[in-house]
N, C-alpha and C. Protein backbone atom coordinates (compact mmCIF):
# COMPACT_ATOMS: atom_id res chain seq x y z
N MET A 1 5.23 -49.69 27.75
CA MET A 1 6.03 -48.74 28.50
C MET A 1 7.41 -48.73 27.87
N SER A 2 7.95 -47.71 27.62
CA SER A 2 9.19 -47.57 26.96
C SER A 2 10.35 -47.81 28.02
N GLU A 3 11.49 -48.33 27.65
CA GLU A 3 12.55 -48.52 28.43
C GLU A 3 13.30 -47.18 28.69
N ILE A 4 13.08 -46.23 27.63
CA ILE A 4 13.74 -45.00 27.76
C ILE A 4 12.78 -43.95 28.35
N LYS A 5 13.48 -43.21 29.34
CA LYS A 5 12.76 -42.14 30.01
C LYS A 5 13.44 -40.85 29.80
N ILE A 6 12.65 -39.71 29.88
CA ILE A 6 13.19 -38.44 29.98
C ILE A 6 12.63 -37.67 31.14
N LEU A 7 13.48 -37.29 31.98
CA LEU A 7 13.06 -36.30 33.11
C LEU A 7 13.02 -35.00 32.55
N HIS A 8 11.83 -34.42 32.24
CA HIS A 8 11.47 -33.34 31.49
C HIS A 8 10.80 -32.18 32.28
N ASN A 9 11.19 -31.04 31.91
CA ASN A 9 10.64 -29.86 32.40
C ASN A 9 10.16 -29.03 31.11
N PRO A 10 8.85 -28.98 30.74
CA PRO A 10 8.36 -28.39 29.63
C PRO A 10 8.67 -26.90 29.54
N ARG A 11 9.08 -26.25 30.66
CA ARG A 11 9.39 -24.78 30.51
C ARG A 11 10.78 -24.61 30.19
N CYS A 12 11.59 -25.56 30.10
CA CYS A 12 13.09 -25.56 29.81
C CYS A 12 13.35 -25.73 28.33
N SER A 13 14.04 -24.81 27.74
CA SER A 13 14.28 -24.93 26.24
C SER A 13 15.15 -26.09 25.86
N LYS A 14 16.15 -26.49 26.78
CA LYS A 14 17.00 -27.63 26.55
C LYS A 14 16.20 -28.94 26.74
N SER A 15 15.34 -28.93 27.66
CA SER A 15 14.48 -30.10 27.83
C SER A 15 13.62 -30.36 26.61
N ARG A 16 12.91 -29.17 26.21
CA ARG A 16 12.12 -29.27 24.91
C ARG A 16 12.85 -29.66 23.59
N GLU A 17 14.15 -29.17 23.60
CA GLU A 17 15.01 -29.60 22.37
C GLU A 17 15.38 -31.03 22.49
N THR A 18 15.62 -31.61 23.73
CA THR A 18 15.99 -32.98 23.95
C THR A 18 14.92 -33.87 23.55
N LEU A 19 13.74 -33.49 23.99
CA LEU A 19 12.47 -34.34 23.75
C LEU A 19 12.31 -34.35 22.15
N LYS A 20 12.44 -33.18 21.47
CA LYS A 20 12.29 -33.01 20.06
C LYS A 20 13.30 -33.90 19.38
N LEU A 21 14.52 -33.89 19.73
CA LEU A 21 15.59 -34.61 19.21
C LEU A 21 15.18 -36.20 19.36
N LEU A 22 14.71 -36.62 20.41
CA LEU A 22 14.41 -38.11 20.59
C LEU A 22 13.17 -38.41 19.63
N GLU A 23 12.25 -37.47 19.46
CA GLU A 23 11.06 -37.72 18.46
C GLU A 23 11.60 -37.73 17.13
N GLU A 24 12.47 -36.88 16.80
CA GLU A 24 13.02 -36.88 15.39
C GLU A 24 13.80 -38.11 15.08
N LYS A 25 14.35 -38.73 16.00
CA LYS A 25 15.10 -40.00 15.86
C LYS A 25 14.10 -41.21 16.00
N GLY A 26 12.83 -40.99 16.09
CA GLY A 26 11.86 -42.01 16.23
C GLY A 26 11.94 -42.91 17.56
N ILE A 27 12.45 -42.26 18.56
CA ILE A 27 12.67 -42.77 19.87
C ILE A 27 11.48 -42.45 20.72
N GLU A 28 10.71 -43.51 21.13
CA GLU A 28 9.50 -43.19 22.02
C GLU A 28 10.10 -43.24 23.56
N ALA A 29 9.99 -42.25 24.21
CA ALA A 29 10.50 -42.19 25.60
C ALA A 29 9.21 -41.84 26.61
N ASP A 30 9.28 -42.50 27.65
CA ASP A 30 8.23 -42.04 28.72
C ASP A 30 8.72 -40.69 29.21
N VAL A 31 7.83 -39.82 29.22
CA VAL A 31 8.07 -38.35 29.74
C VAL A 31 7.62 -38.30 31.23
N VAL A 32 8.68 -38.01 32.06
CA VAL A 32 8.43 -37.90 33.47
C VAL A 32 8.62 -36.44 33.77
N GLU A 33 7.51 -35.63 34.18
CA GLU A 33 7.66 -34.28 34.57
C GLU A 33 8.09 -34.22 36.00
N TYR A 34 9.38 -34.34 36.27
CA TYR A 34 9.94 -34.43 37.62
C TYR A 34 9.57 -33.29 38.50
N LEU A 35 9.18 -32.11 38.12
CA LEU A 35 8.79 -31.22 38.88
C LEU A 35 7.46 -31.53 39.66
N LYS A 36 6.59 -32.28 38.87
CA LYS A 36 5.25 -32.73 39.35
C LYS A 36 5.42 -33.89 40.11
N GLU A 37 6.39 -34.86 39.62
CA GLU A 37 6.60 -36.16 40.26
C GLU A 37 8.08 -36.27 40.70
N PRO A 38 8.38 -35.63 41.84
CA PRO A 38 9.83 -35.60 42.33
C PRO A 38 10.38 -36.99 42.59
N LEU A 39 11.68 -37.07 42.27
CA LEU A 39 12.38 -38.29 42.59
C LEU A 39 12.67 -38.49 43.95
N THR A 40 12.71 -39.65 44.63
CA THR A 40 12.96 -39.81 45.90
C THR A 40 14.64 -39.85 46.10
N THR A 41 15.08 -39.82 47.34
CA THR A 41 16.55 -39.87 47.39
C THR A 41 17.03 -41.08 46.92
N THR A 42 16.35 -42.25 47.09
CA THR A 42 16.80 -43.53 46.57
C THR A 42 17.00 -43.45 44.94
N GLU A 43 15.81 -42.91 44.37
CA GLU A 43 15.78 -42.77 42.91
C GLU A 43 16.96 -41.83 42.39
N LEU A 44 17.22 -40.80 43.15
CA LEU A 44 18.18 -39.93 42.76
C LEU A 44 19.71 -40.51 42.97
N LYS A 45 19.78 -41.40 43.99
CA LYS A 45 21.18 -41.99 44.03
C LYS A 45 21.29 -43.04 42.89
N SER A 46 20.29 -43.71 42.47
CA SER A 46 20.22 -44.67 41.37
C SER A 46 20.57 -43.91 40.07
N LEU A 47 19.92 -42.67 39.98
CA LEU A 47 20.19 -41.88 38.72
C LEU A 47 21.72 -41.35 38.72
N PHE A 48 22.21 -41.02 39.86
CA PHE A 48 23.58 -40.60 39.98
C PHE A 48 24.58 -41.67 39.42
N ALA A 49 24.30 -42.94 39.91
CA ALA A 49 25.15 -44.09 39.49
C ALA A 49 24.93 -44.24 37.98
N LYS A 50 23.75 -44.16 37.39
CA LYS A 50 23.46 -44.29 35.94
C LYS A 50 24.19 -43.16 35.10
N LEU A 51 24.27 -42.14 35.80
CA LEU A 51 25.02 -40.97 35.05
C LEU A 51 26.43 -41.13 35.06
N GLY A 52 27.04 -41.86 35.92
CA GLY A 52 28.46 -42.21 35.96
C GLY A 52 29.29 -40.93 36.33
N LEU A 53 28.68 -40.10 37.14
CA LEU A 53 29.40 -38.92 37.46
C LEU A 53 30.23 -39.12 38.68
N ASP A 54 31.32 -38.33 38.89
CA ASP A 54 32.23 -38.35 40.12
C ASP A 54 31.81 -37.45 41.19
N ASP A 55 30.79 -36.51 40.96
CA ASP A 55 30.42 -35.52 41.97
C ASP A 55 28.97 -35.25 41.78
N VAL A 56 28.35 -35.40 42.88
CA VAL A 56 26.79 -35.08 42.86
C VAL A 56 26.47 -33.76 42.35
N LYS A 57 27.34 -32.77 42.65
CA LYS A 57 27.10 -31.47 42.16
C LYS A 57 26.91 -31.27 40.65
N LYS A 58 27.50 -32.29 39.96
CA LYS A 58 27.48 -32.18 38.50
C LYS A 58 26.04 -32.60 38.02
N MET A 59 25.24 -33.12 38.86
CA MET A 59 23.86 -33.29 38.40
C MET A 59 22.79 -32.35 39.07
N MET A 60 23.42 -31.28 39.52
CA MET A 60 22.68 -30.18 40.26
C MET A 60 22.62 -28.82 39.49
N ARG A 61 21.60 -28.15 39.71
CA ARG A 61 21.53 -26.75 39.07
C ARG A 61 22.13 -25.80 40.25
N VAL A 62 23.42 -25.64 40.25
CA VAL A 62 24.09 -24.99 41.39
C VAL A 62 23.79 -23.46 41.32
N LYS A 63 23.22 -23.01 40.20
CA LYS A 63 22.97 -21.53 40.19
C LYS A 63 21.68 -21.06 40.72
N GLU A 64 20.82 -22.08 41.07
CA GLU A 64 19.53 -21.82 41.57
C GLU A 64 19.49 -21.20 42.98
N ALA A 65 18.66 -20.32 43.18
CA ALA A 65 18.57 -19.65 44.52
C ALA A 65 18.45 -20.62 45.67
N GLU A 66 17.65 -21.72 45.40
CA GLU A 66 17.52 -22.75 46.42
C GLU A 66 18.84 -23.52 46.86
N TYR A 67 19.70 -23.58 45.87
CA TYR A 67 20.95 -24.21 46.18
C TYR A 67 21.73 -23.41 47.18
N LYS A 68 21.86 -22.07 46.96
CA LYS A 68 22.60 -21.13 47.83
C LYS A 68 21.81 -21.03 49.18
N GLU A 69 20.53 -20.85 49.11
CA GLU A 69 19.69 -20.76 50.24
C GLU A 69 19.89 -22.01 51.12
N ALA A 70 19.99 -23.15 50.66
CA ALA A 70 20.16 -24.32 51.52
C ALA A 70 21.59 -24.60 51.89
N GLY A 71 22.45 -23.64 51.47
CA GLY A 71 23.85 -23.68 51.96
C GLY A 71 24.53 -24.91 51.31
N LEU A 72 24.12 -25.40 50.19
CA LEU A 72 24.79 -26.55 49.54
C LEU A 72 26.07 -26.33 48.92
N ASN A 73 26.60 -25.08 48.87
CA ASN A 73 27.92 -24.95 48.34
C ASN A 73 29.01 -24.95 49.25
N GLY A 74 28.72 -25.32 50.54
CA GLY A 74 29.70 -25.43 51.59
C GLY A 74 30.60 -26.62 51.39
N ALA A 75 31.91 -26.56 51.81
CA ALA A 75 32.73 -27.67 51.53
C ALA A 75 32.46 -28.90 52.42
N ASP A 76 31.65 -28.67 53.61
CA ASP A 76 31.29 -29.64 54.55
C ASP A 76 29.90 -30.36 54.26
N VAL A 77 29.32 -30.02 53.17
CA VAL A 77 28.03 -30.57 52.80
C VAL A 77 28.26 -31.96 52.19
N THR A 78 27.45 -32.92 52.73
CA THR A 78 27.54 -34.29 52.26
C THR A 78 26.73 -34.50 51.08
N ASP A 79 27.08 -35.61 50.37
CA ASP A 79 26.25 -35.99 49.33
C ASP A 79 24.89 -36.44 49.70
N GLU A 80 24.71 -37.01 50.91
CA GLU A 80 23.50 -37.17 51.41
C GLU A 80 22.52 -35.94 51.56
N GLN A 81 23.15 -34.89 52.02
CA GLN A 81 22.45 -33.59 52.20
C GLN A 81 22.03 -33.14 50.67
N ARG A 82 22.93 -33.31 49.78
CA ARG A 82 22.52 -32.84 48.34
C ARG A 82 21.52 -33.67 47.70
N PHE A 83 21.53 -35.00 48.00
CA PHE A 83 20.35 -35.82 47.52
C PHE A 83 19.08 -35.36 48.14
N ALA A 84 19.10 -35.24 49.46
CA ALA A 84 17.91 -34.76 50.15
C ALA A 84 17.33 -33.47 49.56
N ALA A 85 18.32 -32.54 49.37
CA ALA A 85 17.85 -31.19 48.74
C ALA A 85 17.24 -31.35 47.56
N MET A 86 17.75 -32.19 46.61
CA MET A 86 17.13 -32.53 45.34
C MET A 86 15.78 -33.16 45.38
N ALA A 87 15.55 -33.95 46.43
CA ALA A 87 14.29 -34.58 46.72
C ALA A 87 13.31 -33.53 47.19
N ASP A 88 13.79 -32.65 48.00
CA ASP A 88 12.85 -31.59 48.51
C ASP A 88 12.53 -30.52 47.58
N PHE A 89 13.63 -30.18 46.63
CA PHE A 89 13.50 -29.12 45.71
C PHE A 89 13.90 -29.66 44.35
N PRO A 90 12.97 -30.31 43.69
CA PRO A 90 13.25 -30.93 42.41
C PRO A 90 13.76 -30.06 41.33
N LYS A 91 13.56 -28.78 41.46
CA LYS A 91 14.16 -27.99 40.48
C LYS A 91 15.70 -27.81 40.51
N LEU A 92 16.31 -28.37 41.55
CA LEU A 92 17.75 -28.43 41.68
C LEU A 92 18.39 -29.40 40.74
N LEU A 93 17.62 -30.44 40.38
CA LEU A 93 18.17 -31.53 39.52
C LEU A 93 18.43 -30.93 38.04
N GLU A 94 19.53 -31.05 37.65
CA GLU A 94 19.89 -30.68 36.25
C GLU A 94 18.90 -31.35 35.23
N ARG A 95 18.53 -30.62 34.21
CA ARG A 95 17.66 -31.13 33.30
C ARG A 95 18.04 -30.88 31.84
N PRO A 96 17.56 -31.52 30.85
CA PRO A 96 16.79 -32.76 31.00
C PRO A 96 17.67 -34.00 31.31
N VAL A 97 17.22 -35.06 31.73
CA VAL A 97 18.07 -36.29 31.85
C VAL A 97 17.34 -37.36 31.11
N VAL A 98 18.06 -38.10 30.17
CA VAL A 98 17.56 -39.27 29.61
C VAL A 98 18.02 -40.53 30.15
N ILE A 99 17.20 -41.48 30.42
CA ILE A 99 17.50 -42.66 30.99
C ILE A 99 17.26 -43.87 30.16
N ASN A 100 18.29 -44.79 29.92
CA ASN A 100 18.09 -45.91 29.08
C ASN A 100 18.76 -47.07 29.89
N GLY A 101 17.84 -47.95 30.52
CA GLY A 101 18.36 -49.03 31.22
C GLY A 101 19.21 -48.51 32.41
N ASP A 102 20.47 -48.98 32.43
CA ASP A 102 21.46 -48.67 33.51
C ASP A 102 22.26 -47.46 33.11
N LYS A 103 21.90 -46.77 32.10
CA LYS A 103 22.77 -45.59 31.72
C LYS A 103 21.79 -44.37 31.71
N ALA A 104 22.33 -43.19 31.88
CA ALA A 104 21.79 -41.88 31.81
C ALA A 104 22.69 -40.86 31.34
N ARG A 105 22.05 -39.84 30.63
CA ARG A 105 22.85 -38.66 30.29
C ARG A 105 22.02 -37.37 30.47
N ILE A 106 22.82 -36.36 30.82
CA ILE A 106 22.05 -35.02 30.91
C ILE A 106 22.12 -34.37 29.59
N GLY A 107 20.97 -33.91 29.10
CA GLY A 107 20.93 -33.31 27.71
C GLY A 107 21.43 -31.96 27.59
N ARG A 108 22.65 -31.75 27.88
CA ARG A 108 23.31 -30.43 27.79
C ARG A 108 24.63 -30.77 27.10
N PRO A 109 24.90 -30.60 25.89
CA PRO A 109 23.83 -30.27 24.89
C PRO A 109 23.00 -31.44 24.64
N PRO A 110 21.79 -31.20 24.05
CA PRO A 110 20.79 -32.31 23.77
C PRO A 110 21.44 -33.57 23.11
N GLU A 111 22.19 -33.23 22.18
CA GLU A 111 22.91 -34.42 21.44
C GLU A 111 23.61 -35.44 22.30
N SER A 112 24.09 -35.03 23.55
CA SER A 112 24.80 -35.84 24.32
C SER A 112 24.02 -37.10 24.74
N VAL A 113 22.77 -36.93 24.78
CA VAL A 113 21.94 -38.18 25.08
C VAL A 113 21.91 -39.31 24.07
N LEU A 114 22.38 -39.01 22.90
CA LEU A 114 22.44 -40.01 21.89
C LEU A 114 23.41 -41.02 22.22
N GLU A 115 24.41 -40.66 22.99
CA GLU A 115 25.50 -41.74 23.39
C GLU A 115 25.03 -43.00 23.97
N ILE A 116 23.74 -42.90 24.64
CA ILE A 116 23.21 -44.02 25.32
C ILE A 116 22.01 -44.66 24.79
N LEU A 117 21.75 -44.20 23.49
CA LEU A 117 20.52 -44.77 22.80
C LEU A 117 20.88 -45.89 21.81
């Protein structure tokens, strides 16, 4: 089992580009199709820490209909509510994400994941 993981959506061009980039660099990664195997809120919180972000919204797809429908853009929405929404609606998680040990990067652009490899 590889230490490197990619949270992958095969229908997403950026996700496919990032996976291809890893393969071109000879990096074997465990591919996790997070839409089929959603992350728990605990896993999402751990991922947030690994990403080193200062705002949970930066790991979310804020333009998705589910984001607006769940009222997640309100100023009074807590991080807990956002983590719960990503667990309930995995497509809200920004993709792809490459995880290497205690570090992670969102593959936008795909080359940004190379920082942690």
